[in-house]
Amino acid sequence: MPTYVVLLRGINLGSKRRVAMADLRELLEGLGYDDVRTHLQSGNVVLRAAGSAAAVKKKVEAALATHCGFDVDVVVRTKAQLDKVIGQSPFTGRATDNARYLVVFLEKAPPAAWRRSIDAGDHEPDEVAVHGKEIYLWLPKGVHNSKLAREATGKGVGAATARNWNVVTKLAELAAE
């Protein structure tokens, strides 16, 4: 059975949209997934499942809507895809703080109009690189006041969820176990 990394968007950020990780593991195990492990409280899951990433996404989104009473966007990557994300890192050696180095995981590649607007923008000292369905952000002054971070996770790119480099590499470690 393939190993998948399942990323939930926008949960546990405030008092609403709460999903306990123990409940999430139980829910996913109840769907028939194996070796379900979560990392932190922000919707990071590694699991083994028969079927495609698209099937996992659809099944998890439907179960979360039923169980939690609200919609949760889910982005799924295989272990091999996550390894590729790490291998093609454009900011290795330059990003000196992994908490400020983000990967935005998208359901599909960002639209050409969005890419043109990002390429034309002045975001210094922040930097951006796009590889397929991932947007890499090096935000040396932090995430919270970064206009680039807001643009890279906003409606213009579609379903998206961001993780810092520490989380990305930890999920790869968990997927390798």
C-alpha atoms as a PDB file:
ATOM      1  CA  MET A   1       0.000   0.000   0.000  1.00  0.00           C
ATOM      2  CA  PRO A   2       1.322   3.471  -0.841  1.00  0.00           C
ATOM      3  CA  THR A   3       2.168   6.000   1.838  1.00  0.00           C
ATOM      4  CA  TYR A   4       0.432   9.371   1.600  1.00  0.00           C
ATOM      5  CA  VAL A   5       0.940  12.697   3.313  1.00  0.00           C
ATOM      6  CA  VAL A   6      -2.443  14.323   3.921  1.00  0.00           C
ATOM      7  CA  LEU A   7      -2.474  18.058   4.669  1.00  0.00           C
ATOM      8  CA  LEU A   8      -5.602  19.707   6.062  1.00  0.00           C
ATOM      9  CA  ARG A   9      -6.071  23.419   5.480  1.00  0.00           C
ATOM     10  CA  GLY A  10      -7.254  25.904   8.062  1.00  0.00           C
ATOM     11  CA  ILE A  11      -7.944  23.757  11.106  1.00  0.00           C
ATOM     12  CA  ASN A  12      -7.056  24.486  14.744  1.00  0.00           C
ATOM     13  CA  LEU A  13      -6.033  28.075  14.026  1.00  0.00           C
ATOM     14  CA  GLY A  14      -8.473  29.590  16.506  1.00  0.00           C
ATOM     15  CA  SER A  15     -11.418  28.591  18.626  1.00  0.00           C
ATOM     16  CA  LYS A  16     -13.424  27.477  15.584  1.00  0.00           C
ATOM     17  CA  ARG A  17     -12.718  24.670  13.128  1.00  0.00           C
ATOM     18  CA  ARG A  18     -11.202  22.529  15.888  1.00  0.00           C
ATOM     19  CA  VAL A  19     -10.201  18.968  15.112  1.00  0.00           C
ATOM     20  CA  ALA A  20      -8.454  16.951  17.815  1.00  0.00           C
ATOM     21  CA  MET A  21      -5.642  14.862  16.368  1.00  0.00           C
ATOM     22  CA  ALA A  22      -6.745  11.770  18.324  1.00  0.00           C
ATOM     23  CA  ASP A  23     -10.223  12.115  16.787  1.00  0.00           C
ATOM     24  CA  LEU A  24      -8.707  12.641  13.351  1.00  0.00           C
ATOM     25  CA  ARG A  25      -6.596   9.489  13.665  1.00  0.00           C
ATOM     26  CA  GLU A  26      -9.643   7.522  14.806  1.00  0.00           C
ATOM     27  CA  LEU A  27     -11.739   8.884  11.934  1.00  0.00           C
ATOM     28  CA  LEU A  28      -9.102   7.984   9.337  1.00  0.00           C
ATOM     29  CA  GLU A  29      -8.536   4.532  10.795  1.00  0.00           C
ATOM     30  CA  GLY A  30     -12.314   4.052  10.624  1.00  0.00           C
ATOM     31  CA  LEU A  31     -12.118   4.789   6.897  1.00  0.00           C
ATOM     32  CA  GLY A  32      -9.779   1.817   6.545  1.00  0.00           C
ATOM     33  CA  TYR A  33      -6.432   3.621   6.405  1.00  0.00           C
ATOM     34  CA  ASP A  34      -3.387   1.998   8.020  1.00  0.00           C
ATOM     35  CA  ASP A  35      -0.477   3.363  10.053  1.00  0.00           C
ATOM     36  CA  VAL A  36      -2.256   6.694  10.607  1.00  0.00           C
ATOM     37  CA  ARG A  37       0.074   9.187  12.295  1.00  0.00           C
ATOM     38  CA  THR A  38      -0.376  12.887  12.927  1.00  0.00           C
ATOM     39  CA  HIS A  39       2.243  15.573  13.459  1.00  0.00           C
ATOM     40  CA  LEU A  40       1.515  18.669  15.550  1.00  0.00           C
ATOM     41  CA  GLN A  41      -2.034  20.024  15.861  1.00  0.00           C
ATOM     42  CA  SER A  42      -2.359  21.598  12.432  1.00  0.00           C
ATOM     43  CA  GLY A  43      -3.650  18.778  10.266  1.00  0.00           C
ATOM     44  CA  ASN A  44      -0.569  16.887   9.157  1.00  0.00           C
ATOM     45  CA  VAL A  45      -1.207  13.198   8.601  1.00  0.00           C
ATOM     46  CA  VAL A  46       0.840  10.327   7.245  1.00  0.00           C
ATOM     47  CA  LEU A  47      -1.048   7.148   6.370  1.00  0.00           C
ATOM     48  CA  ARG A  48      -1.040   4.096   4.187  1.00  0.00           C
ATOM     49  CA  ALA A  49      -3.942   3.520   1.822  1.00  0.00           C
ATOM     50  CA  ALA A  50      -4.965   1.501  -1.171  1.00  0.00           C
ATOM     51  CA  GLY A  51      -6.040   3.633  -4.083  1.00  0.00           C
ATOM     52  CA  SER A  52      -4.980   6.939  -5.554  1.00  0.00           C
ATOM     53  CA  ALA A  53      -4.157  10.258  -3.920  1.00  0.00           C
ATOM     54  CA  ALA A  54      -7.315  11.694  -5.514  1.00  0.00           C
ATOM     55  CA  ALA A  55      -9.414   8.955  -3.913  1.00  0.00           C
ATOM     56  CA  VAL A  56      -7.831   9.599  -0.505  1.00  0.00           C
ATOM     57  CA  LYS A  57      -8.498  13.335  -0.843  1.00  0.00           C
ATOM     58  CA  LYS A  58     -12.136  12.840  -1.769  1.00  0.00           C
ATOM     59  CA  LYS A  59     -12.798  10.318   0.986  1.00  0.00           C
ATOM     60  CA  VAL A  60     -11.058  12.377   3.697  1.00  0.00           C
ATOM     61  CA  GLU A  61     -12.819  15.618   2.698  1.00  0.00           C
ATOM     62  CA  ALA A  62     -16.225  13.904   2.760  1.00  0.00           C
ATOM     63  CA  ALA A  63     -15.556  12.272   6.135  1.00  0.00           C
ATOM     64  CA  LEU A  64     -14.358  15.551   7.670  1.00  0.00           C
ATOM     65  CA  ALA A  65     -17.428  17.404   6.398  1.00  0.00           C
ATOM     66  CA  THR A  66     -19.702  14.792   7.944  1.00  0.00           C
ATOM     67  CA  HIS A  67     -17.753  14.357  11.179  1.00  0.00           C
ATOM     68  CA  CYS A  68     -16.793  17.996  11.843  1.00  0.00           C
ATOM     69  CA  GLY A  69     -19.707  19.824  10.279  1.00  0.00           C
ATOM     70  CA  PHE A  70     -17.520  22.075   8.121  1.00  0.00           C
ATOM     71  CA  ASP A  71     -15.594  21.753   4.876  1.00  0.00           C
ATOM     72  CA  VAL A  72     -11.848  21.222   5.036  1.00  0.00           C
ATOM     73  CA  ASP A  73      -9.646  21.476   1.959  1.00  0.00           C
ATOM     74  CA  VAL A  74      -7.251  18.554   1.797  1.00  0.00           C
ATOM     75  CA  VAL A  75      -4.062  18.296  -0.241  1.00  0.00           C
ATOM     76  CA  VAL A  76      -2.464  14.871  -0.654  1.00  0.00           C
ATOM     77  CA  ARG A  77       1.053  13.951  -1.730  1.00  0.00           C
ATOM     78  CA  THR A  78       2.722  10.580  -2.095  1.00  0.00           C
ATOM     79  CA  LYS A  79       5.955   9.902  -0.257  1.00  0.00           C
ATOM     80  CA  ALA A  80       7.809  10.142  -3.591  1.00  0.00           C
ATOM     81  CA  GLN A  81       6.202  13.509  -4.355  1.00  0.00           C
ATOM     82  CA  LEU A  82       7.179  14.857  -0.942  1.00  0.00           C
ATOM     83  CA  ASP A  83      10.736  13.610  -1.422  1.00  0.00           C
ATOM     84  CA  LYS A  84      10.812  15.478  -4.750  1.00  0.00           C
ATOM     85  CA  VAL A  85       9.568  18.659  -3.045  1.00  0.00           C
ATOM     86  CA  ILE A  86      12.535  18.438  -0.682  1.00  0.00           C
ATOM     87  CA  GLY A  87      14.998  17.489  -3.412  1.00  0.00           C
ATOM     88  CA  GLN A  88      14.145  20.437  -5.638  1.00  0.00           C
ATOM     89  CA  SER A  89      14.289  23.029  -2.849  1.00  0.00           C
ATOM     90  CA  PRO A  90      15.365  26.303  -4.459  1.00  0.00           C
ATOM     91  CA  PHE A  91      16.430  27.966  -1.212  1.00  0.00           C
ATOM     92  CA  THR A  92      18.667  25.334   0.334  1.00  0.00           C
ATOM     93  CA  GLY A  93      21.707  27.113   1.703  1.00  0.00           C
ATOM     94  CA  ARG A  94      20.032  30.544   1.579  1.00  0.00           C
ATOM     95  CA  ALA A  95      17.073  29.941   3.864  1.00  0.00           C
ATOM     96  CA  THR A  96      18.689  30.229   7.285  1.00  0.00           C
ATOM     97  CA  ASP A  97      15.556  29.807   9.432  1.00  0.00           C
ATOM     98  CA  ASN A  98      13.388  26.783   8.634  1.00  0.00           C
ATOM     99  CA  ALA A  99      10.394  28.345  10.415  1.00  0.00           C
ATOM    100  CA  ARG A 100      10.453  31.151   7.823  1.00  0.00           C
ATOM    101  CA  TYR A 101      10.940  28.867   4.860  1.00  0.00           C
ATOM    102  CA  LEU A 102       7.537  27.680   3.629  1.00  0.00           C
ATOM    103  CA  VAL A 103       6.181  25.340   1.023  1.00  0.00           C
ATOM    104  CA  VAL A 104       2.667  26.031  -0.187  1.00  0.00           C
ATOM    105  CA  PHE A 105       1.065  22.821  -1.402  1.00  0.00           C
ATOM    106  CA  LEU A 106      -1.517  23.331  -4.142  1.00  0.00           C
ATOM    107  CA  GLU A 107      -4.112  21.060  -5.667  1.00  0.00           C
ATOM    108  CA  LYS A 108      -2.962  22.141  -9.132  1.00  0.00           C
ATOM    109  CA  ALA A 109      -0.298  24.420 -10.563  1.00  0.00           C
ATOM    110  CA  PRO A 110      -1.033  28.112 -10.000  1.00  0.00           C
ATOM    111  CA  PRO A 111      -2.751  29.956 -12.844  1.00  0.00           C
ATOM    112  CA  ALA A 112      -0.564  31.795 -15.358  1.00  0.00           C
ATOM    113  CA  ALA A 113      -2.144  35.153 -14.407  1.00  0.00           C
ATOM    114  CA  TRP A 114      -1.168  34.617 -10.779  1.00  0.00           C
ATOM    115  CA  ARG A 115       2.392  33.687 -11.803  1.00  0.00           C
ATOM    116  CA  ARG A 116       2.698  36.839 -13.897  1.00  0.00           C
ATOM    117  CA  SER A 117       1.492  39.010 -11.008  1.00  0.00           C
ATOM    118  CA  ILE A 118       3.946  37.399  -8.571  1.00  0.00           C
ATOM    119  CA  ASP A 119       6.841  37.655 -11.009  1.00  0.00           C
ATOM    120  CA  ALA A 120       6.082  41.347 -11.582  1.00  0.00           C
ATOM    121  CA  GLY A 121       5.756  42.183  -7.889  1.00  0.00           C
ATOM    122  CA  ASP A 122       8.437  43.594  -5.653  1.00  0.00           C
ATOM    123  CA  HIS A 123       8.560  41.404  -2.575  1.00  0.00           C
ATOM    124  CA  GLU A 124      12.080  42.003  -1.282  1.00  0.00           C
ATOM    125  CA  PRO A 125      13.481  40.638   0.909  1.00  0.00           C
ATOM    126  CA  ASP A 126      10.960  37.801   0.464  1.00  0.00           C
ATOM    127  CA  GLU A 127      11.621  35.335  -2.348  1.00  0.00           C
ATOM    128  CA  VAL A 128       9.366  32.964  -4.251  1.00  0.00           C
ATOM    129  CA  ALA A 129       9.885  30.002  -6.579  1.00  0.00           C
ATOM    130  CA  VAL A 130       7.233  27.831  -8.181  1.00  0.00           C
ATOM    131  CA  HIS A 131       7.798  24.206  -9.110  1.00  0.00           C
ATOM    132  CA  GLY A 132       4.680  22.487 -10.425  1.00  0.00           C
ATOM    133  CA  LYS A 133       2.078  22.323  -7.642  1.00  0.00           C
ATOM    134  CA  GLU A 134       4.348  23.807  -4.961  1.00  0.00           C
ATOM    135  CA  ILE A 135       5.233  27.381  -4.155  1.00  0.00           C
ATOM    136  CA  TYR A 136       8.414  27.853  -2.139  1.00  0.00           C
ATOM    137  CA  LEU A 137       8.652  30.977  -0.001  1.00  0.00           C
ATOM    138  CA  TRP A 138      11.730  32.285   1.785  1.00  0.00           C
ATOM    139  CA  LEU A 139      10.448  34.961   4.172  1.00  0.00           C
ATOM    140  CA  PRO A 140      13.500  36.199   6.120  1.00  0.00           C
ATOM    141  CA  LYS A 141      11.501  38.776   8.100  1.00  0.00           C
ATOM    142  CA  GLY A 142       8.752  36.326   8.998  1.00  0.00           C
ATOM    143  CA  VAL A 143       5.415  35.081   7.783  1.00  0.00           C
ATOM    144  CA  HIS A 144       2.886  37.258   9.585  1.00  0.00           C
ATOM    145  CA  ASN A 145       3.582  40.562   7.838  1.00  0.00           C
ATOM    146  CA  SER A 146       4.494  39.132   4.469  1.00  0.00           C
ATOM    147  CA  LYS A 147       2.370  40.289   1.550  1.00  0.00           C
ATOM    148  CA  LEU A 148       3.930  37.527  -0.538  1.00  0.00           C
ATOM    149  CA  ALA A 149       2.796  34.853   1.931  1.00  0.00           C
ATOM    150  CA  ARG A 150      -0.786  36.175   1.746  1.00  0.00           C
ATOM    151  CA  GLU A 151      -0.695  36.191  -2.057  1.00  0.00           C
ATOM    152  CA  ALA A 152       0.759  32.677  -2.228  1.00  0.00           C
ATOM    153  CA  THR A 153      -1.981  31.201  -0.037  1.00  0.00           C
ATOM    154  CA  GLY A 154      -4.901  33.348  -1.197  1.00  0.00           C
ATOM    155  CA  LYS A 155      -7.823  32.580  -3.451  1.00  0.00           C
ATOM    156  CA  GLY A 156      -5.809  33.299  -6.598  1.00  0.00           C
ATOM    157  CA  VAL A 157      -3.962  29.985  -6.340  1.00  0.00           C
ATOM    158  CA  GLY A 158      -6.911  27.724  -5.516  1.00  0.00           C
ATOM    159  CA  ALA A 159      -6.868  25.119  -2.751  1.00  0.00           C
ATOM    160  CA  ALA A 160      -3.595  25.648  -0.900  1.00  0.00           C
ATOM    161  CA  THR A 161      -2.035  24.941   2.458  1.00  0.00           C
ATOM    162  CA  ALA A 162       1.401  25.992   3.684  1.00  0.00           C
ATOM    163  CA  ARG A 163       3.897  24.204   5.913  1.00  0.00           C
ATOM    164  CA  ASN A 164       7.258  25.396   7.134  1.00  0.00           C
ATOM    165  CA  TRP A 165      10.407  23.515   6.222  1.00  0.00           C
ATOM    166  CA  ASN A 166      10.668  21.869   9.648  1.00  0.00           C
ATOM    167  CA  VAL A 167       7.224  20.313   9.165  1.00  0.00           C
ATOM    168  CA  VAL A 168       7.905  19.327   5.546  1.00  0.00           C
ATOM    169  CA  THR A 169      11.071  17.439   6.467  1.00  0.00           C
ATOM    170  CA  LYS A 170       9.471  15.831   9.528  1.00  0.00           C
ATOM    171  CA  LEU A 171       6.569  14.571   7.405  1.00  0.00           C
ATOM    172  CA  ALA A 172       9.077  13.083   4.964  1.00  0.00           C
ATOM    173  CA  GLU A 173      10.762  11.301   7.880  1.00  0.00           C
ATOM    174  CA  LEU A 174       7.424   9.932   9.099  1.00  0.00           C
ATOM    175  CA  ALA A 175       6.526   8.797   5.581  1.00  0.00           C
ATOM    176  CA  ALA A 176       9.825   6.917   5.350  1.00  0.00           C
ATOM    177  CA  GLU A 177       9.183   4.867   8.502  1.00  0.00           C
END
